[in-house]
Amino acid sequence: MVTTEEMISFVQEYIGVDEVKPETDIFSELRCTGDDFDELIEKYAKKYSVDMSSYLWYFHADEEGQNFGSVFFRPPYERVKRIPVTPQMLADFVNEGKWNINYPSHKLPKRRIDLFINLVLILVVLFFLIKSCIK
C-alpha cells in the first residue's frame, strides 16, 4: 500500500520542491507543465505499475512549445475543463492499480488541424530558407 506521504516525496523529488500537500495541484500550483508533467506521469506509471490505459492527458496538462495553429484551431487541452492531479489522487490510483477518473463526455476533432498548420508553416519557412541559400 502506497501512502500519500510516499507520493508527496515522489513528487517533491521529481519536481524539486519542498511545499507539497496531499491536495496540491501538480500542474497549476507546482508549475509542472508540458513535457515535465508528461515525464512525471510516465515515471509514476512505470515506477508504481499503474494501468494508464484510461488516462487522457489533455484533461490534466498542456503541450510544450509554440503552437501557432492554435490561433485558428484550439488544441485538445483548450477544448475541455482541466482536472487537477494531486499527490493524493496519485496514491489512490497506485493502490487501485489503475488511473481511475471518470472523464466528462467530450468530443474532439479526428485530426489535429492546429498541428497541421504548424507543419505547413515550418515547410514554408524551410522552403524560403532553402531558396535563399540557393541564390
N, C-alpha and C. Protein backbone atom coordinates (compact mmCIF):
# COMPACT_ATOMS: atom_id res chain seq x y z
N MET A 1 0.84 -1.19 0.00
CA MET A 1 0.00 0.00 0.00
C MET A 1 0.88 1.25 0.00
N VAL A 2 0.64 2.11 -0.96
CA VAL A 2 1.39 3.35 -1.07
C VAL A 2 0.66 4.43 -0.29
N THR A 3 1.39 5.15 0.53
CA THR A 3 0.79 6.22 1.32
C THR A 3 0.86 7.55 0.56
N THR A 4 0.05 8.46 1.02
CA THR A 4 0.07 9.82 0.44
C THR A 4 1.43 10.46 0.68
N GLU A 5 2.02 10.22 1.83
CA GLU A 5 3.32 10.80 2.16
C GLU A 5 4.39 10.29 1.19
N GLU A 6 4.31 9.02 0.82
CA GLU A 6 5.27 8.47 -0.15
C GLU A 6 5.09 9.15 -1.50
N MET A 7 3.85 9.40 -1.89
CA MET A 7 3.60 10.06 -3.17
C MET A 7 4.03 11.51 -3.12
N ILE A 8 3.86 12.17 -1.99
CA ILE A 8 4.35 13.54 -1.84
C ILE A 8 5.86 13.56 -2.02
N SER A 9 6.55 12.60 -1.43
CA SER A 9 8.01 12.51 -1.57
C SER A 9 8.40 12.28 -3.03
N PHE A 10 7.67 11.43 -3.72
CA PHE A 10 7.93 11.18 -5.14
C PHE A 10 7.80 12.47 -5.94
N VAL A 11 6.74 13.22 -5.72
CA VAL A 11 6.51 14.48 -6.44
C VAL A 11 7.59 15.50 -6.07
N GLN A 12 7.90 15.61 -4.78
CA GLN A 12 8.92 16.55 -4.34
C GLN A 12 10.27 16.25 -4.99
N GLU A 13 10.63 14.98 -5.01
CA GLU A 13 11.91 14.58 -5.60
C GLU A 13 11.95 14.86 -7.10
N TYR A 14 10.87 14.56 -7.78
CA TYR A 14 10.85 14.75 -9.23
C TYR A 14 10.87 16.23 -9.60
N ILE A 15 10.06 17.03 -8.93
CA ILE A 15 9.94 18.44 -9.30
C ILE A 15 10.98 19.30 -8.60
N GLY A 16 11.45 18.86 -7.45
CA GLY A 16 12.47 19.63 -6.73
C GLY A 16 11.87 20.76 -5.91
N VAL A 17 10.75 20.50 -5.27
CA VAL A 17 10.10 21.50 -4.42
C VAL A 17 9.93 20.93 -3.02
N ASP A 18 9.74 21.83 -2.06
CA ASP A 18 9.57 21.39 -0.68
C ASP A 18 8.11 21.35 -0.23
N GLU A 19 7.36 22.36 -0.58
CA GLU A 19 5.98 22.50 -0.10
C GLU A 19 4.99 21.78 -1.00
N VAL A 20 4.69 20.55 -0.64
CA VAL A 20 3.68 19.77 -1.36
C VAL A 20 2.74 19.16 -0.34
N LYS A 21 1.45 19.35 -0.57
CA LYS A 21 0.43 18.80 0.31
C LYS A 21 -0.35 17.75 -0.46
N PRO A 22 -1.15 16.94 0.21
CA PRO A 22 -1.92 15.92 -0.49
C PRO A 22 -2.82 16.48 -1.58
N GLU A 23 -3.35 17.68 -1.39
CA GLU A 23 -4.28 18.27 -2.35
C GLU A 23 -3.64 19.28 -3.31
N THR A 24 -2.31 19.36 -3.30
CA THR A 24 -1.61 20.29 -4.20
C THR A 24 -1.82 19.91 -5.66
N ASP A 25 -2.24 20.88 -6.46
CA ASP A 25 -2.42 20.69 -7.90
C ASP A 25 -1.03 20.74 -8.54
N ILE A 26 -0.58 19.61 -9.02
CA ILE A 26 0.79 19.48 -9.55
C ILE A 26 1.01 20.39 -10.75
N PHE A 27 0.01 20.53 -11.60
CA PHE A 27 0.14 21.36 -12.80
C PHE A 27 0.15 22.85 -12.46
N SER A 28 -0.89 23.33 -11.80
CA SER A 28 -1.00 24.78 -11.61
C SER A 28 -0.23 25.31 -10.41
N GLU A 29 -0.24 24.59 -9.31
CA GLU A 29 0.44 25.10 -8.11
C GLU A 29 1.95 24.87 -8.15
N LEU A 30 2.37 23.73 -8.69
CA LEU A 30 3.80 23.43 -8.74
C LEU A 30 4.42 23.80 -10.08
N ARG A 31 3.57 24.23 -11.01
CA ARG A 31 4.00 24.63 -12.35
C ARG A 31 4.78 23.53 -13.08
N CYS A 32 4.32 22.32 -12.89
CA CYS A 32 4.87 21.18 -13.61
C CYS A 32 3.99 21.02 -14.84
N THR A 33 4.44 21.53 -15.98
CA THR A 33 3.61 21.61 -17.18
C THR A 33 4.30 20.95 -18.37
N GLY A 34 3.57 20.86 -19.47
CA GLY A 34 4.13 20.37 -20.73
C GLY A 34 4.84 19.04 -20.62
N ASP A 35 6.04 18.99 -21.17
CA ASP A 35 6.83 17.76 -21.17
C ASP A 35 7.19 17.31 -19.76
N ASP A 36 7.40 18.26 -18.86
CA ASP A 36 7.74 17.89 -17.47
C ASP A 36 6.59 17.11 -16.82
N PHE A 37 5.37 17.56 -17.04
CA PHE A 37 4.21 16.86 -16.49
C PHE A 37 4.09 15.47 -17.11
N ASP A 38 4.28 15.41 -18.43
CA ASP A 38 4.20 14.13 -19.14
C ASP A 38 5.25 13.15 -18.61
N GLU A 39 6.47 13.63 -18.42
CA GLU A 39 7.54 12.77 -17.91
C GLU A 39 7.26 12.31 -16.47
N LEU A 40 6.69 13.20 -15.66
CA LEU A 40 6.32 12.82 -14.29
C LEU A 40 5.30 11.69 -14.32
N ILE A 41 4.30 11.81 -15.16
CA ILE A 41 3.25 10.78 -15.24
C ILE A 41 3.83 9.47 -15.78
N GLU A 42 4.71 9.54 -16.77
CA GLU A 42 5.34 8.32 -17.29
C GLU A 42 6.17 7.63 -16.23
N LYS A 43 6.97 8.40 -15.51
CA LYS A 43 7.81 7.84 -14.44
C LYS A 43 6.93 7.23 -13.34
N TYR A 44 5.88 7.93 -13.00
CA TYR A 44 4.92 7.46 -11.99
C TYR A 44 4.31 6.11 -12.41
N ALA A 45 3.82 6.06 -13.64
CA ALA A 45 3.16 4.84 -14.13
C ALA A 45 4.12 3.66 -14.13
N LYS A 46 5.34 3.92 -14.56
CA LYS A 46 6.34 2.84 -14.63
C LYS A 46 6.77 2.38 -13.23
N LYS A 47 7.10 3.34 -12.38
CA LYS A 47 7.58 3.00 -11.03
C LYS A 47 6.54 2.25 -10.21
N TYR A 48 5.27 2.66 -10.34
CA TYR A 48 4.23 2.09 -9.49
C TYR A 48 3.32 1.11 -10.23
N SER A 49 3.64 0.80 -11.48
CA SER A 49 2.88 -0.16 -12.29
C SER A 49 1.38 0.16 -12.32
N VAL A 50 1.09 1.41 -12.67
CA VAL A 50 -0.30 1.85 -12.76
C VAL A 50 -0.77 1.69 -14.20
N ASP A 51 -1.92 1.06 -14.38
CA ASP A 51 -2.53 0.91 -15.70
C ASP A 51 -3.05 2.28 -16.13
N MET A 52 -2.44 2.85 -17.17
CA MET A 52 -2.79 4.19 -17.63
C MET A 52 -3.65 4.17 -18.88
N SER A 53 -4.24 3.05 -19.20
CA SER A 53 -4.99 2.93 -20.45
C SER A 53 -6.17 3.89 -20.55
N SER A 54 -6.70 4.36 -19.43
CA SER A 54 -7.82 5.30 -19.48
C SER A 54 -7.38 6.75 -19.31
N TYR A 55 -6.08 7.00 -19.21
CA TYR A 55 -5.54 8.35 -18.99
C TYR A 55 -5.71 9.21 -20.24
N LEU A 56 -6.28 10.39 -20.07
CA LEU A 56 -6.44 11.36 -21.15
C LEU A 56 -5.65 12.62 -20.77
N TRP A 57 -4.45 12.75 -21.32
CA TRP A 57 -3.50 13.80 -20.93
C TRP A 57 -4.09 15.20 -21.03
N TYR A 58 -4.90 15.45 -22.03
CA TYR A 58 -5.36 16.81 -22.30
C TYR A 58 -6.33 17.34 -21.24
N PHE A 59 -6.82 16.49 -20.35
CA PHE A 59 -7.63 16.96 -19.23
C PHE A 59 -6.76 17.49 -18.09
N HIS A 60 -5.47 17.18 -18.12
CA HIS A 60 -4.63 17.47 -16.97
C HIS A 60 -3.48 18.43 -17.25
N ALA A 61 -3.04 18.53 -18.49
CA ALA A 61 -1.84 19.32 -18.78
C ALA A 61 -1.93 19.93 -20.17
N ASP A 62 -0.92 20.72 -20.48
CA ASP A 62 -0.83 21.33 -21.80
C ASP A 62 0.32 20.71 -22.57
N GLU A 63 0.64 21.32 -23.71
CA GLU A 63 1.76 20.84 -24.52
C GLU A 63 2.90 21.83 -24.44
N GLU A 64 4.08 21.34 -24.73
CA GLU A 64 5.29 22.15 -24.72
C GLU A 64 5.43 22.88 -26.06
N GLY A 65 6.03 24.04 -26.03
CA GLY A 65 6.39 24.73 -27.26
C GLY A 65 5.30 25.62 -27.81
N GLN A 66 5.64 26.23 -28.94
CA GLN A 66 4.72 27.15 -29.61
C GLN A 66 3.78 26.38 -30.53
N ASN A 67 2.53 26.76 -30.50
CA ASN A 67 1.54 26.14 -31.37
C ASN A 67 0.81 27.27 -32.11
N PHE A 68 1.38 27.68 -33.23
CA PHE A 68 0.79 28.78 -34.00
C PHE A 68 -0.57 28.40 -34.57
N GLY A 69 -0.76 27.12 -34.84
CA GLY A 69 -2.04 26.66 -35.36
C GLY A 69 -3.18 26.82 -34.37
N SER A 70 -2.85 26.96 -33.08
CA SER A 70 -3.89 27.10 -32.07
C SER A 70 -4.58 28.46 -32.15
N VAL A 71 -4.01 29.38 -32.91
CA VAL A 71 -4.68 30.66 -33.13
C VAL A 71 -5.99 30.44 -33.89
N PHE A 72 -5.99 29.43 -34.77
CA PHE A 72 -7.14 29.14 -35.62
C PHE A 72 -7.98 27.96 -35.12
N PHE A 73 -7.31 26.95 -34.56
CA PHE A 73 -7.99 25.74 -34.08
C PHE A 73 -7.44 25.39 -32.70
N ARG A 74 -8.33 25.32 -31.72
CA ARG A 74 -7.90 25.05 -30.35
C ARG A 74 -7.35 23.63 -30.20
N PRO A 75 -6.25 23.47 -29.47
CA PRO A 75 -5.73 22.13 -29.18
C PRO A 75 -6.63 21.43 -28.16
N PRO A 76 -6.46 20.12 -28.00
CA PRO A 76 -7.34 19.35 -27.10
C PRO A 76 -7.44 19.91 -25.68
N TYR A 77 -6.33 20.33 -25.10
CA TYR A 77 -6.35 20.80 -23.71
C TYR A 77 -7.11 22.12 -23.54
N GLU A 78 -7.38 22.83 -24.63
CA GLU A 78 -8.18 24.04 -24.54
C GLU A 78 -9.66 23.77 -24.85
N ARG A 79 -10.00 22.54 -25.16
CA ARG A 79 -11.38 22.18 -25.50
C ARG A 79 -12.11 21.52 -24.34
N VAL A 80 -11.40 21.24 -23.25
CA VAL A 80 -12.00 20.59 -22.09
C VAL A 80 -11.65 21.36 -20.83
N LYS A 81 -12.42 21.14 -19.78
CA LYS A 81 -12.11 21.75 -18.49
C LYS A 81 -11.02 20.91 -17.81
N ARG A 82 -9.96 21.59 -17.38
CA ARG A 82 -8.83 20.87 -16.78
C ARG A 82 -9.21 20.24 -15.45
N ILE A 83 -8.73 19.02 -15.24
CA ILE A 83 -8.94 18.29 -14.00
C ILE A 83 -7.59 18.22 -13.29
N PRO A 84 -7.50 18.76 -12.07
CA PRO A 84 -6.22 18.74 -11.35
C PRO A 84 -5.77 17.32 -11.02
N VAL A 85 -4.46 17.15 -10.94
CA VAL A 85 -3.86 15.90 -10.46
C VAL A 85 -3.11 16.24 -9.19
N THR A 86 -3.39 15.50 -8.12
CA THR A 86 -2.78 15.76 -6.82
C THR A 86 -2.02 14.52 -6.34
N PRO A 87 -1.10 14.70 -5.39
CA PRO A 87 -0.43 13.52 -4.82
C PRO A 87 -1.41 12.53 -4.21
N GLN A 88 -2.48 13.02 -3.60
CA GLN A 88 -3.49 12.11 -3.03
C GLN A 88 -4.11 11.23 -4.11
N MET A 89 -4.46 11.84 -5.25
CA MET A 89 -5.02 11.06 -6.36
C MET A 89 -4.02 10.02 -6.84
N LEU A 90 -2.77 10.44 -7.00
CA LEU A 90 -1.74 9.51 -7.49
C LEU A 90 -1.60 8.32 -6.55
N ALA A 91 -1.61 8.57 -5.25
CA ALA A 91 -1.51 7.48 -4.27
C ALA A 91 -2.73 6.56 -4.36
N ASP A 92 -3.90 7.16 -4.48
CA ASP A 92 -5.13 6.36 -4.59
C ASP A 92 -5.08 5.46 -5.83
N PHE A 93 -4.62 6.01 -6.95
CA PHE A 93 -4.58 5.25 -8.20
C PHE A 93 -3.55 4.12 -8.13
N VAL A 94 -2.46 4.34 -7.43
CA VAL A 94 -1.48 3.26 -7.25
C VAL A 94 -2.14 2.12 -6.49
N ASN A 95 -2.85 2.45 -5.44
CA ASN A 95 -3.49 1.43 -4.61
C ASN A 95 -4.63 0.73 -5.34
N GLU A 96 -5.25 1.41 -6.31
CA GLU A 96 -6.29 0.79 -7.13
C GLU A 96 -5.68 0.02 -8.31
N GLY A 97 -4.43 0.37 -8.65
CA GLY A 97 -3.74 -0.31 -9.75
C GLY A 97 -4.04 0.27 -11.12
N LYS A 98 -4.84 1.34 -11.17
CA LYS A 98 -5.19 1.93 -12.46
C LYS A 98 -5.55 3.41 -12.30
N TRP A 99 -5.40 4.13 -13.40
CA TRP A 99 -5.84 5.52 -13.45
C TRP A 99 -7.36 5.49 -13.43
N ASN A 100 -7.95 6.10 -12.42
CA ASN A 100 -9.39 5.92 -12.21
C ASN A 100 -10.11 7.25 -12.15
N ILE A 101 -10.25 7.88 -13.31
CA ILE A 101 -11.02 9.12 -13.42
C ILE A 101 -12.13 8.89 -14.43
N ASN A 102 -13.33 9.25 -14.05
CA ASN A 102 -14.44 9.22 -14.99
C ASN A 102 -14.48 10.58 -15.68
N TYR A 103 -13.93 10.63 -16.88
CA TYR A 103 -13.87 11.89 -17.61
C TYR A 103 -15.25 12.29 -18.10
N PRO A 104 -15.50 13.61 -18.12
CA PRO A 104 -16.79 14.06 -18.65
C PRO A 104 -16.89 13.77 -20.14
N SER A 105 -18.09 13.64 -20.62
CA SER A 105 -18.31 13.41 -22.03
C SER A 105 -17.78 14.62 -22.81
N HIS A 106 -17.08 14.33 -23.90
CA HIS A 106 -16.49 15.39 -24.71
C HIS A 106 -16.26 14.86 -26.12
N LYS A 107 -16.06 15.77 -27.04
CA LYS A 107 -15.81 15.38 -28.42
C LYS A 107 -14.64 16.19 -28.95
N LEU A 108 -13.67 15.48 -29.49
CA LEU A 108 -12.51 16.13 -30.10
C LEU A 108 -12.54 15.86 -31.60
N PRO A 109 -11.98 16.77 -32.39
CA PRO A 109 -11.88 16.51 -33.83
C PRO A 109 -11.02 15.27 -34.08
N LYS A 110 -11.27 14.59 -35.18
CA LYS A 110 -10.50 13.39 -35.50
C LYS A 110 -9.05 13.73 -35.82
N ARG A 111 -8.82 14.90 -36.37
CA ARG A 111 -7.46 15.31 -36.74
C ARG A 111 -7.09 16.60 -36.03
N ARG A 112 -5.82 16.74 -35.73
CA ARG A 112 -5.30 17.95 -35.10
C ARG A 112 -4.94 18.96 -36.18
N ILE A 113 -5.89 19.79 -36.56
CA ILE A 113 -5.66 20.78 -37.61
C ILE A 113 -4.64 21.82 -37.15
N ASP A 114 -4.60 22.11 -35.86
CA ASP A 114 -3.62 23.06 -35.34
C ASP A 114 -2.19 22.58 -35.62
N LEU A 115 -1.95 21.27 -35.47
CA LEU A 115 -0.61 20.73 -35.75
C LEU A 115 -0.33 20.70 -37.24
N PHE A 116 -1.34 20.48 -38.05
CA PHE A 116 -1.17 20.52 -39.50
C PHE A 116 -0.76 21.92 -39.94
N ILE A 117 -1.37 22.94 -39.37
CA ILE A 117 -1.00 24.32 -39.68
C ILE A 117 0.45 24.58 -39.28
N ASN A 118 0.86 24.08 -38.13
CA ASN A 118 2.26 24.23 -37.71
C ASN A 118 3.21 23.60 -38.72
N LEU A 119 2.86 22.41 -39.20
CA LEU A 119 3.69 21.71 -40.19
C LEU A 119 3.79 22.52 -41.48
N VAL A 120 2.67 23.04 -41.94
CA VAL A 120 2.67 23.85 -43.17
C VAL A 120 3.55 25.08 -42.99
N LEU A 121 3.44 25.74 -41.84
CA LEU A 121 4.27 26.92 -41.58
C LEU A 121 5.75 26.58 -41.57
N ILE A 122 6.11 25.47 -40.98
CA ILE A 122 7.51 25.03 -40.95
C ILE A 122 8.01 24.75 -42.36
N LEU A 123 7.19 24.07 -43.14
CA LEU A 123 7.58 23.76 -44.53
C LEU A 123 7.75 25.03 -45.36
N VAL A 124 6.90 26.00 -45.17
CA VAL A 124 7.00 27.27 -45.90
C VAL A 124 8.30 27.98 -45.52
N VAL A 125 8.58 28.04 -44.24
CA VAL A 125 9.82 28.68 -43.78
C VAL A 125 11.03 27.95 -44.34
N LEU A 126 11.03 26.62 -44.28
CA LEU A 126 12.15 25.85 -44.83
C LEU A 126 12.31 26.09 -46.33
N PHE A 127 11.21 26.14 -47.03
CA PHE A 127 11.26 26.39 -48.47
C PHE A 127 11.96 27.72 -48.76
N PHE A 128 11.57 28.77 -48.05
CA PHE A 128 12.18 30.08 -48.29
C PHE A 128 13.63 30.13 -47.83
N LEU A 129 13.98 29.40 -46.78
CA LEU A 129 15.36 29.34 -46.34
C LEU A 129 16.23 28.64 -47.39
N ILE A 130 15.75 27.52 -47.88
CA ILE A 130 16.49 26.78 -48.92
C ILE A 130 16.60 27.61 -50.18
N LYS A 131 15.52 28.26 -50.55
CA LYS A 131 15.50 29.09 -51.76
C LYS A 131 16.49 30.25 -51.63
N SER A 132 16.57 30.86 -50.46
CA SER A 132 17.51 31.97 -50.27
C SER A 132 18.96 31.49 -50.24
N CYS A 133 19.20 30.26 -49.75
CA CYS A 133 20.55 29.70 -49.74
C CYS A 133 21.03 29.34 -51.15
N ILE A 134 20.11 28.93 -51.98
CA ILE A 134 20.47 28.55 -53.36
C ILE A 134 20.86 29.77 -54.17
N LYS A 135 20.26 30.91 -53.91
CA LYS A 135 20.58 32.13 -54.66
C LYS A 135 21.93 32.59 -54.36
